[in-house]
């Protein structure tokens, strides 16, 4: 009998693809952007309908709200993701150099301590 997967583990089934092209599970920021976009479309469309009582125009506003909020969240999240990756790369290189040059004549900390004494 196969053991059931834990609630914290992701399912090993078929990945969820939005419109057949966007793999929401594996692309960073895709899930949040689509969720916030759908919430933005409901808020924009419902708000416009409550203000004007025009059904067709409210649907158009909802679609526009979805596009704007999704793209806004996508670009904001991807910018922060890229910035984080750059910071991680700089930290990784610094740690690698620290390990490589520690206790050698090329160690910058060792040169500073010799010049001070």
PDB file of N, CA and C in Angstrom:
ATOM      1  N   UNK A   1       0.838  -1.172   0.000  1.00  0.00           N
ATOM      2  CA  UNK A   1       0.000   0.000   0.000  1.00  0.00           C
ATOM      3  C   UNK A   1       0.883   1.234   0.000  1.00  0.00           C
ATOM      4  N   UNK A   2       0.615   2.163  -0.868  1.00  0.00           N
ATOM      5  CA  UNK A   2       1.432   3.360  -0.986  1.00  0.00           C
ATOM      6  C   UNK A   2       1.102   4.333   0.136  1.00  0.00           C
ATOM      7  N   UNK A   3       2.140   4.982   0.635  1.00  0.00           N
ATOM      8  CA  UNK A   3       1.943   5.956   1.710  1.00  0.00           C
ATOM      9  C   UNK A   3       1.409   7.260   1.125  1.00  0.00           C
ATOM     10  N   UNK A   4       0.510   7.881   1.852  1.00  0.00           N
ATOM     11  CA  UNK A   4      -0.055   9.158   1.403  1.00  0.00           C
ATOM     12  C   UNK A   4       0.983  10.253   1.597  1.00  0.00           C
ATOM     13  N   UNK A   5       0.987  11.234   0.700  1.00  0.00           N
ATOM     14  CA  UNK A   5       1.956  12.318   0.805  1.00  0.00           C
ATOM     15  C   UNK A   5       1.552  13.266   1.925  1.00  0.00           C
ATOM     16  N   UNK A   6       2.552  13.880   2.537  1.00  0.00           N
ATOM     17  CA  UNK A   6       2.296  14.841   3.610  1.00  0.00           C
ATOM     18  C   UNK A   6       1.673  16.101   3.043  1.00  0.00           C
ATOM     19  N   UNK A   7       0.903  16.830   3.868  1.00  0.00           N
ATOM     20  CA  UNK A   7       0.279  18.065   3.376  1.00  0.00           C
ATOM     21  C   UNK A   7       1.300  19.127   2.976  1.00  0.00           C
ATOM     22  N   UNK A   8       2.490  19.117   3.594  1.00  0.00           N
ATOM     23  CA  UNK A   8       3.501  20.124   3.290  1.00  0.00           C
ATOM     24  C   UNK A   8       4.259  19.849   1.999  1.00  0.00           C
ATOM     25  N   UNK A   9       4.230  18.614   1.513  1.00  0.00           N
ATOM     26  CA  UNK A   9       4.980  18.257   0.320  1.00  0.00           C
ATOM     27  C   UNK A   9       4.165  18.560  -0.934  1.00  0.00           C
ATOM     28  N   UNK A  10       4.833  19.051  -1.984  1.00  0.00           N
ATOM     29  CA  UNK A  10       4.104  19.259  -3.236  1.00  0.00           C
ATOM     30  C   UNK A  10       3.764  17.925  -3.884  1.00  0.00           C
ATOM     31  N   UNK A  11       2.668  17.908  -4.598  1.00  0.00           N
ATOM     32  CA  UNK A  11       2.234  16.686  -5.270  1.00  0.00           C
ATOM     33  C   UNK A  11       3.163  16.381  -6.444  1.00  0.00           C
ATOM     34  N   UNK A  12       3.398  15.105  -6.693  1.00  0.00           N
ATOM     35  CA  UNK A  12       4.293  14.692  -7.768  1.00  0.00           C
ATOM     36  C   UNK A  12       3.521  14.428  -9.065  1.00  0.00           C
ATOM     37  N   UNK A  13       2.399  15.074  -9.248  1.00  0.00           N
ATOM     38  CA  UNK A  13       1.572  14.853 -10.423  1.00  0.00           C
ATOM     39  C   UNK A  13       1.944  15.786 -11.559  1.00  0.00           C
ATOM     40  N   UNK A  14       0.978  15.995 -12.414  1.00  0.00           N
ATOM     41  CA  UNK A  14       1.151  16.867 -13.570  1.00  0.00           C
ATOM     42  C   UNK A  14       1.223  18.322 -13.125  1.00  0.00           C
ATOM     43  N   UNK A  15       2.171  19.127 -13.642  1.00  0.00           N
ATOM     44  CA  UNK A  15       2.237  20.533 -13.233  1.00  0.00           C
ATOM     45  C   UNK A  15       1.033  21.315 -13.745  1.00  0.00           C
ATOM     46  N   UNK A  16       0.617  22.310 -12.967  1.00  0.00           N
ATOM     47  CA  UNK A  16      -0.535  23.140 -13.332  1.00  0.00           C
ATOM     48  C   UNK A  16      -0.070  24.220 -14.297  1.00  0.00           C
ATOM     49  N   UNK A  17      -0.630  24.226 -15.500  1.00  0.00           N
ATOM     50  CA  UNK A  17      -0.269  25.220 -16.499  1.00  0.00           C
ATOM     51  C   UNK A  17      -1.474  26.095 -16.785  1.00  0.00           C
ATOM     52  N   UNK A  18      -1.256  27.393 -16.745  1.00  0.00           N
ATOM     53  CA  UNK A  18      -2.310  28.348 -17.018  1.00  0.00           C
ATOM     54  C   UNK A  18      -2.316  28.636 -18.512  1.00  0.00           C
ATOM     55  N   UNK A  19      -3.452  28.464 -19.158  1.00  0.00           N
ATOM     56  CA  UNK A  19      -3.627  28.618 -20.605  1.00  0.00           C
ATOM     57  C   UNK A  19      -2.706  27.705 -21.397  1.00  0.00           C
ATOM     58  N   UNK A  20      -2.212  26.646 -20.768  1.00  0.00           N
ATOM     59  CA  UNK A  20      -1.375  25.673 -21.458  1.00  0.00           C
ATOM     60  C   UNK A  20       0.065  26.091 -21.653  1.00  0.00           C
ATOM     61  N   UNK A  21       0.440  27.301 -21.264  1.00  0.00           N
ATOM     62  CA  UNK A  21       1.813  27.752 -21.509  1.00  0.00           C
ATOM     63  C   UNK A  21       2.541  28.197 -20.247  1.00  0.00           C
ATOM     64  N   UNK A  22       1.842  28.780 -19.280  1.00  0.00           N
ATOM     65  CA  UNK A  22       2.485  29.360 -18.107  1.00  0.00           C
ATOM     66  C   UNK A  22       2.466  28.355 -16.967  1.00  0.00           C
ATOM     67  N   UNK A  23       3.629  27.774 -16.648  1.00  0.00           N
ATOM     68  CA  UNK A  23       3.735  26.810 -15.564  1.00  0.00           C
ATOM     69  C   UNK A  23       3.773  27.567 -14.242  1.00  0.00           C
ATOM     70  N   UNK A  24       2.639  27.618 -13.569  1.00  0.00           N
ATOM     71  CA  UNK A  24       2.479  28.461 -12.388  1.00  0.00           C
ATOM     72  C   UNK A  24       3.307  27.956 -11.211  1.00  0.00           C
ATOM     73  N   UNK A  25       3.531  26.656 -11.112  1.00  0.00           N
ATOM     74  CA  UNK A  25       4.275  26.111  -9.984  1.00  0.00           C
ATOM     75  C   UNK A  25       5.761  26.415 -10.043  1.00  0.00           C
ATOM     76  N   UNK A  26       6.361  26.398 -11.226  1.00  0.00           N
ATOM     77  CA  UNK A  26       7.813  26.480 -11.340  1.00  0.00           C
ATOM     78  C   UNK A  26       8.341  27.857 -11.708  1.00  0.00           C
ATOM     79  N   UNK A  27       7.506  28.759 -12.164  1.00  0.00           N
ATOM     80  CA  UNK A  27       7.969  30.096 -12.531  1.00  0.00           C
ATOM     81  C   UNK A  27       7.813  31.009 -11.328  1.00  0.00           C
ATOM     82  N   UNK A  28       8.915  31.619 -10.863  1.00  0.00           N
ATOM     83  CA  UNK A  28       8.789  32.509  -9.709  1.00  0.00           C
ATOM     84  C   UNK A  28       7.859  33.680 -10.032  1.00  0.00           C
ATOM     85  N   UNK A  29       7.053  34.066  -9.104  1.00  0.00           N
ATOM     86  CA  UNK A  29       6.152  35.220  -9.165  1.00  0.00           C
ATOM     87  C   UNK A  29       4.894  34.988  -9.998  1.00  0.00           C
ATOM     88  N   UNK A  30       4.775  33.908 -10.729  1.00  0.00           N
ATOM     89  CA  UNK A  30       3.610  33.711 -11.595  1.00  0.00           C
ATOM     90  C   UNK A  30       2.343  33.508 -10.778  1.00  0.00           C
ATOM     91  N   UNK A  31       2.404  32.697  -9.753  1.00  0.00           N
ATOM     92  CA  UNK A  31       1.211  32.398  -8.959  1.00  0.00           C
ATOM     93  C   UNK A  31       0.679  33.646  -8.280  1.00  0.00           C
ATOM     94  N   UNK A  32       1.550  34.389  -7.618  1.00  0.00           N
ATOM     95  CA  UNK A  32       1.108  35.595  -6.914  1.00  0.00           C
ATOM     96  C   UNK A  32       0.558  36.630  -7.883  1.00  0.00           C
ATOM     97  N   UNK A  33       1.202  36.782  -9.028  1.00  0.00           N
ATOM     98  CA  UNK A  33       0.749  37.781  -9.988  1.00  0.00           C
ATOM     99  C   UNK A  33      -0.644  37.455 -10.514  1.00  0.00           C
ATOM    100  N   UNK A  34      -0.894  36.193 -10.822  1.00  0.00           N
ATOM    101  CA  UNK A  34      -2.212  35.802 -11.332  1.00  0.00           C
ATOM    102  C   UNK A  34      -3.276  35.943 -10.246  1.00  0.00           C
ATOM    103  N   UNK A  35      -2.940  35.576  -9.016  1.00  0.00           N
ATOM    104  CA  UNK A  35      -3.916  35.701  -7.933  1.00  0.00           C
ATOM    105  C   UNK A  35      -4.249  37.164  -7.643  1.00  0.00           C
ATOM    106  N   UNK A  36      -3.237  38.014  -7.570  1.00  0.00           N
ATOM    107  CA  UNK A  36      -3.501  39.435  -7.327  1.00  0.00           C
ATOM    108  C   UNK A  36      -4.218  40.068  -8.509  1.00  0.00           C
ATOM    109  N   UNK A  37      -3.903  39.622  -9.716  1.00  0.00           N
ATOM    110  CA  UNK A  37      -4.589  40.144 -10.894  1.00  0.00           C
ATOM    111  C   UNK A  37      -6.061  39.790 -10.905  1.00  0.00           C
ATOM    112  N   UNK A  38      -6.385  38.573 -10.520  1.00  0.00           N
ATOM    113  CA  UNK A  38      -7.800  38.186 -10.489  1.00  0.00           C
ATOM    114  C   UNK A  38      -8.546  38.953  -9.399  1.00  0.00           C
ATOM    115  N   UNK A  39      -7.902  39.160  -8.267  1.00  0.00           N
ATOM    116  CA  UNK A  39      -8.536  39.958  -7.215  1.00  0.00           C
ATOM    117  C   UNK A  39      -8.710  41.405  -7.680  1.00  0.00           C
ATOM    118  N   UNK A  40      -7.710  41.940  -8.370  1.00  0.00           N
ATOM    119  CA  UNK A  40      -7.805  43.302  -8.894  1.00  0.00           C
ATOM    120  C   UNK A  40      -8.905  43.448  -9.925  1.00  0.00           C
ATOM    121  N   UNK A  41      -9.119  42.430 -10.742  1.00  0.00           N
ATOM    122  CA  UNK A  41     -10.179  42.507 -11.745  1.00  0.00           C
ATOM    123  C   UNK A  41     -11.557  42.507 -11.091  1.00  0.00           C
ATOM    124  N   UNK A  42     -11.726  41.689 -10.063  1.00  0.00           N
ATOM    125  CA  UNK A  42     -13.014  41.655  -9.360  1.00  0.00           C
ATOM    126  C   UNK A  42     -13.277  43.000  -8.691  1.00  0.00           C
ATOM    127  N   UNK A  43     -12.287  43.550  -8.030  1.00  0.00           N
ATOM    128  CA  UNK A  43     -12.459  44.830  -7.342  1.00  0.00           C
ATOM    129  C   UNK A  43     -12.742  45.946  -8.342  1.00  0.00           C
ATOM    130  N   UNK A  44     -11.968  45.994  -9.427  1.00  0.00           N
ATOM    131  CA  UNK A  44     -12.162  47.065 -10.413  1.00  0.00           C
ATOM    132  C   UNK A  44     -13.516  46.943 -11.107  1.00  0.00           C
ATOM    133  N   UNK A  45     -13.873  45.739 -11.547  1.00  0.00           N
ATOM    134  CA  UNK A  45     -15.152  45.546 -12.235  1.00  0.00           C
ATOM    135  C   UNK A  45     -16.349  45.786 -11.336  1.00  0.00           C
ATOM    136  N   UNK A  46     -16.293  45.249 -10.125  1.00  0.00           N
ATOM    137  CA  UNK A  46     -17.408  45.434  -9.194  1.00  0.00           C
ATOM    138  C   UNK A  46     -17.517  46.894  -8.749  1.00  0.00           C
ATOM    139  N   UNK A  47     -16.387  47.517  -8.515  1.00  0.00           N
ATOM    140  CA  UNK A  47     -16.411  48.928  -8.139  1.00  0.00           C
ATOM    141  C   UNK A  47     -16.983  49.805  -9.230  1.00  0.00           C
ATOM    142  N   UNK A  48     -16.584  49.532 -10.477  1.00  0.00           N
ATOM    143  CA  UNK A  48     -17.117  50.312 -11.598  1.00  0.00           C
ATOM    144  C   UNK A  48     -18.612  50.061 -11.772  1.00  0.00           C
ATOM    145  N   UNK A  49     -19.030  48.807 -11.574  1.00  0.00           N
ATOM    146  CA  UNK A  49     -20.455  48.507 -11.708  1.00  0.00           C
ATOM    147  C   UNK A  49     -21.282  49.199 -10.625  1.00  0.00           C
ATOM    148  N   UNK A  50     -20.770  49.218  -9.403  1.00  0.00           N
ATOM    149  CA  UNK A  50     -21.501  49.873  -8.313  1.00  0.00           C
ATOM    150  C   UNK A  50     -21.594  51.383  -8.525  1.00  0.00           C
ATOM    151  N   UNK A  51     -20.588  51.955  -9.186  1.00  0.00           N
ATOM    152  CA  UNK A  51     -20.618  53.397  -9.431  1.00  0.00           C
ATOM    153  C   UNK A  51     -21.491  53.780 -10.623  1.00  0.00           C
ATOM    154  N   UNK A  52     -21.468  52.965 -11.682  1.00  0.00           N
ATOM    155  CA  UNK A  52     -22.131  53.369 -12.926  1.00  0.00           C
ATOM    156  C   UNK A  52     -23.305  52.496 -13.348  1.00  0.00           C
ATOM    157  N   UNK A  53     -23.410  51.293 -12.880  1.00  0.00           N
ATOM    158  CA  UNK A  53     -24.446  50.319 -13.269  1.00  0.00           C
ATOM    159  C   UNK A  53     -24.405  49.985 -14.763  1.00  0.00           C
ATOM    160  N   UNK A  54     -23.244  50.058 -15.374  1.00  0.00           N
ATOM    161  CA  UNK A  54     -23.072  49.674 -16.780  1.00  0.00           C
ATOM    162  C   UNK A  54     -22.330  48.335 -16.808  1.00  0.00           C
ATOM    163  N   UNK A  55     -23.030  47.310 -17.267  1.00  0.00           N
ATOM    164  CA  UNK A  55     -22.503  45.952 -17.175  1.00  0.00           C
ATOM    165  C   UNK A  55     -21.341  45.740 -18.135  1.00  0.00           C
ATOM    166  N   UNK A  56     -21.531  46.095 -19.401  1.00  0.00           N
ATOM    167  CA  UNK A  56     -20.495  45.833 -20.389  1.00  0.00           C
ATOM    168  C   UNK A  56     -19.211  46.616 -20.089  1.00  0.00           C
ATOM    169  N   UNK A  57     -19.352  47.862 -19.742  1.00  0.00           N
ATOM    170  CA  UNK A  57     -18.187  48.686 -19.429  1.00  0.00           C
ATOM    171  C   UNK A  57     -17.492  48.181 -18.166  1.00  0.00           C
ATOM    172  N   UNK A  58     -18.271  47.660 -17.219  1.00  0.00           N
ATOM    173  CA  UNK A  58     -17.691  47.115 -15.986  1.00  0.00           C
ATOM    174  C   UNK A  58     -16.862  45.865 -16.277  1.00  0.00           C
ATOM    175  N   UNK A  59     -17.325  45.054 -17.225  1.00  0.00           N
ATOM    176  CA  UNK A  59     -16.538  43.881 -17.630  1.00  0.00           C
ATOM    177  C   UNK A  59     -15.238  44.309 -18.289  1.00  0.00           C
ATOM    178  N   UNK A  60     -15.303  45.339 -19.119  1.00  0.00           N
ATOM    179  CA  UNK A  60     -14.090  45.856 -19.753  1.00  0.00           C
ATOM    180  C   UNK A  60     -13.112  46.402 -18.714  1.00  0.00           C
ATOM    181  N   UNK A  61     -13.633  47.103 -17.730  1.00  0.00           N
ATOM    182  CA  UNK A  61     -12.788  47.629 -16.658  1.00  0.00           C
ATOM    183  C   UNK A  61     -12.180  46.477 -15.853  1.00  0.00           C
ATOM    184  N   UNK A  62     -12.956  45.420 -15.638  1.00  0.00           N
ATOM    185  CA  UNK A  62     -12.434  44.256 -14.925  1.00  0.00           C
ATOM    186  C   UNK A  62     -11.289  43.596 -15.666  1.00  0.00           C
ATOM    187  N   UNK A  63     -11.427  43.447 -16.987  1.00  0.00           N
ATOM    188  CA  UNK A  63     -10.344  42.857 -17.791  1.00  0.00           C
ATOM    189  C   UNK A  63      -9.117  43.768 -17.775  1.00  0.00           C
ATOM    190  N   UNK A  64      -9.345  45.052 -17.908  1.00  0.00           N
ATOM    191  CA  UNK A  64      -8.225  45.993 -17.840  1.00  0.00           C
ATOM    192  C   UNK A  64      -7.557  45.981 -16.479  1.00  0.00           C
ATOM    193  N   UNK A  65      -8.356  45.870 -15.420  1.00  0.00           N
ATOM    194  CA  UNK A  65      -7.795  45.777 -14.072  1.00  0.00           C
ATOM    195  C   UNK A  65      -6.960  44.520 -13.893  1.00  0.00           C
ATOM    196  N   UNK A  66      -7.438  43.417 -14.465  1.00  0.00           N
ATOM    197  CA  UNK A  66      -6.657  42.176 -14.395  1.00  0.00           C
ATOM    198  C   UNK A  66      -5.307  42.347 -15.071  1.00  0.00           C
ATOM    199  N   UNK A  67      -5.305  42.920 -16.263  1.00  0.00           N
ATOM    200  CA  UNK A  67      -4.054  43.085 -17.006  1.00  0.00           C
ATOM    201  C   UNK A  67      -3.097  44.011 -16.262  1.00  0.00           C
ATOM    202  N   UNK A  68      -3.602  45.147 -15.800  1.00  0.00           N
ATOM    203  CA  UNK A  68      -2.732  46.115 -15.128  1.00  0.00           C
ATOM    204  C   UNK A  68      -2.168  45.574 -13.812  1.00  0.00           C
ATOM    205  N   UNK A  69      -3.032  44.975 -13.006  1.00  0.00           N
ATOM    206  CA  UNK A  69      -2.560  44.473 -11.708  1.00  0.00           C
ATOM    207  C   UNK A  69      -1.617  43.296 -11.898  1.00  0.00           C
ATOM    208  N   UNK A  70      -1.923  42.401 -12.833  1.00  0.00           N
ATOM    209  CA  UNK A  70      -1.045  41.252 -13.075  1.00  0.00           C
ATOM    210  C   UNK A  70       0.328  41.711 -13.547  1.00  0.00           C
ATOM    211  N   UNK A  71       0.359  42.607 -14.519  1.00  0.00           N
ATOM    212  CA  UNK A  71       1.660  43.082 -15.010  1.00  0.00           C
ATOM    213  C   UNK A  71       2.410  43.873 -13.950  1.00  0.00           C
ATOM    214  N   UNK A  72       1.693  44.683 -13.180  1.00  0.00           N
ATOM    215  CA  UNK A  72       2.346  45.440 -12.118  1.00  0.00           C
ATOM    216  C   UNK A  72       2.970  44.537 -11.072  1.00  0.00           C
ATOM    217  N   UNK A  73       2.228  43.532 -10.627  1.00  0.00           N
ATOM    218  CA  UNK A  73       2.762  42.586  -9.645  1.00  0.00           C
ATOM    219  C   UNK A  73       3.904  41.768 -10.229  1.00  0.00           C
ATOM    220  N   UNK A  74       3.772  41.387 -11.495  1.00  0.00           N
ATOM    221  CA  UNK A  74       4.806  40.592 -12.155  1.00  0.00           C
ATOM    222  C   UNK A  74       6.126  41.357 -12.213  1.00  0.00           C
ATOM    223  N   UNK A  75       6.094  42.591 -12.693  1.00  0.00           N
ATOM    224  CA  UNK A  75       7.334  43.361 -12.827  1.00  0.00           C
ATOM    225  C   UNK A  75       7.928  43.692 -11.459  1.00  0.00           C
ATOM    226  N   UNK A  76       7.095  44.015 -10.484  1.00  0.00           N
ATOM    227  CA  UNK A  76       7.595  44.310  -9.150  1.00  0.00           C
ATOM    228  C   UNK A  76       8.265  43.083  -8.533  1.00  0.00           C
ATOM    229  N   UNK A  77       7.620  41.940  -8.644  1.00  0.00           N
ATOM    230  CA  UNK A  77       8.159  40.714  -8.066  1.00  0.00           C
ATOM    231  C   UNK A  77       9.432  40.275  -8.788  1.00  0.00           C
ATOM    232  N   UNK A  78       9.445  40.359 -10.107  1.00  0.00           N
ATOM    233  CA  UNK A  78      10.636  39.950 -10.855  1.00  0.00           C
ATOM    234  C   UNK A  78      11.822  40.875 -10.590  1.00  0.00           C
ATOM    235  N   UNK A  79      11.549  42.177 -10.396  1.00  0.00           N
ATOM    236  CA  UNK A  79      12.620  43.115 -10.064  1.00  0.00           C
ATOM    237  C   UNK A  79      13.235  42.745  -8.716  1.00  0.00           C
ATOM    238  N   UNK A  80      12.392  42.489  -7.723  1.00  0.00           N
ATOM    239  CA  UNK A  80      12.902  42.102  -6.403  1.00  0.00           C
ATOM    240  C   UNK A  80      13.615  40.761  -6.448  1.00  0.00           C
ATOM    241  N   UNK A  81      13.123  39.847  -7.269  1.00  0.00           N
ATOM    242  CA  UNK A  81      13.755  38.535  -7.414  1.00  0.00           C
ATOM    243  C   UNK A  81      15.146  38.675  -8.029  1.00  0.00           C
ATOM    244  N   UNK A  82      15.264  39.509  -9.056  1.00  0.00           N
ATOM    245  CA  UNK A  82      16.570  39.716  -9.690  1.00  0.00           C
ATOM    246  C   UNK A  82      17.533  40.406  -8.733  1.00  0.00           C
ATOM    247  N   UNK A  83      17.040  41.380  -7.973  1.00  0.00           N
ATOM    248  CA  UNK A  83      17.879  42.075  -7.015  1.00  0.00           C
ATOM    249  C   UNK A  83      18.389  41.111  -5.941  1.00  0.00           C
ATOM    250  N   UNK A  84      17.531  40.220  -5.483  1.00  0.00           N
ATOM    251  CA  UNK A  84      17.924  39.229  -4.490  1.00  0.00           C
ATOM    252  C   UNK A  84      18.966  38.269  -5.051  1.00  0.00           C
ATOM    253  N   UNK A  85      18.795  37.857  -6.297  1.00  0.00           N
ATOM    254  CA  UNK A  85      19.773  36.957  -6.913  1.00  0.00           C
ATOM    255  C   UNK A  85      21.144  37.620  -7.050  1.00  0.00           C
ATOM    256  N   UNK A  86      21.169  38.914  -7.367  1.00  0.00           N
ATOM    257  CA  UNK A  86      22.441  39.635  -7.466  1.00  0.00           C
ATOM    258  C   UNK A  86      23.102  39.723  -6.097  1.00  0.00           C
ATOM    259  N   UNK A  87      22.322  40.021  -5.055  1.00  0.00           N
ATOM    260  CA  UNK A  87      22.873  40.086  -3.709  1.00  0.00           C
ATOM    261  C   UNK A  87      23.407  38.728  -3.263  1.00  0.00           C
ATOM    262  N   UNK A  88      22.709  37.656  -3.600  1.00  0.00           N
ATOM    263  CA  UNK A  88      23.180  36.316  -3.254  1.00  0.00           C
ATOM    264  C   UNK A  88      24.478  35.992  -3.975  1.00  0.00           C
ATOM    265  N   UNK A  89      24.587  36.381  -5.250  1.00  0.00           N
ATOM    266  CA  UNK A  89      25.807  36.122  -6.009  1.00  0.00           C
ATOM    267  C   UNK A  89      26.988  36.889  -5.426  1.00  0.00           C
ATOM    268  N   UNK A  90      26.778  38.147  -5.028  1.00  0.00           N
ATOM    269  CA  UNK A  90      27.846  38.938  -4.426  1.00  0.00           C
ATOM    270  C   UNK A  90      28.285  38.328  -3.103  1.00  0.00           C
ATOM    271  N   UNK A  91      27.327  37.898  -2.286  1.00  0.00           N
ATOM    272  CA  UNK A  91      27.663  37.269  -1.009  1.00  0.00           C
ATOM    273  C   UNK A  91      28.399  35.954  -1.227  1.00  0.00           C
ATOM    274  N   UNK A  92      27.962  35.161  -2.210  1.00  0.00           N
ATOM    275  CA  UNK A  92      28.613  33.888  -2.509  1.00  0.00           C
ATOM    276  C   UNK A  92      30.057  34.100  -2.958  1.00  0.00           C
ATOM    277  N   UNK A  93      30.288  35.108  -3.809  1.00  0.00           N
ATOM    278  CA  UNK A  93      31.644  35.404  -4.255  1.00  0.00           C
ATOM    279  C   UNK A  93      32.507  35.901  -3.103  1.00  0.00           C
ATOM    280  N   UNK A  94      31.924  36.706  -2.217  1.00  0.00           N
ATOM    281  CA  UNK A  94      32.676  37.184  -1.061  1.00  0.00           C
ATOM    282  C   UNK A  94      33.074  36.052  -0.129  1.00  0.00           C
ATOM    283  N   UNK A  95      32.163  35.115   0.096  1.00  0.00           N
ATOM    284  CA  UNK A  95      32.483  33.968   0.948  1.00  0.00           C
ATOM    285  C   UNK A  95      33.548  33.107   0.290  1.00  0.00           C
ATOM    286  N   UNK A  96      33.435  32.919  -1.030  1.00  0.00           N
ATOM    287  CA  UNK A  96      34.430  32.112  -1.743  1.00  0.00           C
ATOM    288  C   UNK A  96      35.812  32.759  -1.654  1.00  0.00           C
ATOM    289  N   UNK A  97      35.884  34.077  -1.829  1.00  0.00           N
ATOM    290  CA  UNK A  97      37.161  34.773  -1.728  1.00  0.00           C
ATOM    291  C   UNK A  97      37.703  34.735  -0.303  1.00  0.00           C
ATOM    292  N   UNK A  98      36.849  34.837   0.688  1.00  0.00           N
ATOM    293  CA  UNK A  98      37.281  34.758   2.084  1.00  0.00           C
ATOM    294  C   UNK A  98      37.906  33.404   2.366  1.00  0.00           C
ATOM    295  N   UNK A  99      37.253  32.345   1.884  1.00  0.00           N
ATOM    296  CA  UNK A  99      37.792  31.003   2.096  1.00  0.00           C
ATOM    297  C   UNK A  99      39.094  30.825   1.330  1.00  0.00           C
ATOM    298  N   UNK A 100      39.159  31.368   0.134  1.00  0.00           N
ATOM    299  CA  UNK A 100      40.334  31.185  -0.718  1.00  0.00           C
ATOM    300  C   UNK A 100      41.553  31.935  -0.191  1.00  0.00           C
ATOM    301  N   UNK A 101      41.359  33.169   0.280  1.00  0.00           N
ATOM    302  CA  UNK A 101      42.489  34.017   0.651  1.00  0.00           C
ATOM    303  C   UNK A 101      42.762  34.065   2.145  1.00  0.00           C
ATOM    304  N   UNK A 102      41.993  33.356   2.950  1.00  0.00           N
ATOM    305  CA  UNK A 102      42.181  33.398   4.394  1.00  0.00           C
ATOM    306  C   UNK A 102      43.551  32.824   4.767  1.00  0.00           C
ATOM    307  N   UNK A 103      44.291  33.524   5.621  1.00  0.00           N
ATOM    308  CA  UNK A 103      45.608  33.118   6.138  1.00  0.00           C
ATOM    309  C   UNK A 103      46.672  33.053   5.057  1.00  0.00           C
ATOM    310  N   UNK A 104      46.534  33.794   3.979  1.00  0.00           N
ATOM    311  CA  UNK A 104      47.584  33.863   2.965  1.00  0.00           C
ATOM    312  C   UNK A 104      48.124  35.284   2.929  1.00  0.00           C
ATOM    313  N   UNK A 105      49.160  35.487   2.135  1.00  0.00           N
ATOM    314  CA  UNK A 105      49.723  36.836   2.033  1.00  0.00           C
ATOM    315  C   UNK A 105      48.815  37.761   1.218  1.00  0.00           C
ATOM    316  N   UNK A 106      47.809  37.217   0.547  1.00  0.00           N
ATOM    317  CA  UNK A 106      46.863  38.027  -0.219  1.00  0.00           C
ATOM    318  C   UNK A 106      45.638  38.444   0.589  1.00  0.00           C
ATOM    319  N   UNK A 107      45.574  38.039   1.849  1.00  0.00           N
ATOM    320  CA  UNK A 107      44.417  38.343   2.694  1.00  0.00           C
ATOM    321  C   UNK A 107      44.382  39.832   3.020  1.00  0.00           C
ATOM    322  N   UNK A 108      43.327  40.565   2.619  1.00  0.00           N
ATOM    323  CA  UNK A 108      43.283  42.001   2.889  1.00  0.00           C
ATOM    324  C   UNK A 108      43.190  42.326   4.378  1.00  0.00           C
ATOM    325  N   UNK A 109      42.562  41.481   5.174  1.00  0.00           N
ATOM    326  CA  UNK A 109      42.474  41.728   6.612  1.00  0.00           C
ATOM    327  C   UNK A 109      43.831  41.588   7.283  1.00  0.00           C
ATOM    328  N   UNK A 110      44.628  40.701   6.792  1.00  0.00           N
ATOM    329  CA  UNK A 110      45.963  40.474   7.369  1.00  0.00           C
ATOM    330  C   UNK A 110      46.872  41.669   7.078  1.00  0.00           C
ATOM    331  N   UNK A 111      46.741  42.271   5.876  1.00  0.00           N
ATOM    332  CA  UNK A 111      47.551  43.428   5.537  1.00  0.00           C
ATOM    333  C   UNK A 111      47.159  44.629   6.400  1.00  0.00           C
ATOM    334  N   UNK A 112      45.870  44.781   6.686  1.00  0.00           N
ATOM    335  CA  UNK A 112      45.426  45.903   7.512  1.00  0.00           C
ATOM    336  C   UNK A 112      45.928  45.756   8.935  1.00  0.00           C
ATOM    337  N   UNK A 113      45.952  44.557   9.476  1.00  0.00           N
ATOM    338  CA  UNK A 113      46.393  44.382  10.856  1.00  0.00           C
ATOM    339  C   UNK A 113      47.917  44.568  10.980  1.00  0.00           C
ATOM    340  N   UNK A 114      48.701  44.236   9.933  1.00  0.00           N
ATOM    341  CA  UNK A 114      50.143  44.441   9.976  1.00  0.00           C
ATOM    342  C   UNK A 114      50.498  45.916   9.895  1.00  0.00           C
ATOM    343  N   UNK A 115      49.793  46.674   9.083  1.00  0.00           N
ATOM    344  CA  UNK A 115      50.098  48.100   8.928  1.00  0.00           C
ATOM    345  C   UNK A 115      49.753  48.869  10.185  1.00  0.00           C
ATOM    346  N   UNK A 116      48.798  48.402  10.963  1.00  0.00           N
ATOM    347  CA  UNK A 116      48.377  49.095  12.189  1.00  0.00           C
ATOM    348  C   UNK A 116      49.371  48.883  13.323  1.00  0.00           C
ATOM    349  N   UNK A 117      50.129  47.771  13.341  1.00  0.00           N
ATOM    350  CA  UNK A 117      51.035  47.508  14.455  1.00  0.00           C
ATOM    351  C   UNK A 117      52.468  47.803  14.142  1.00  0.00           C
TER     352      UNK A 117
END
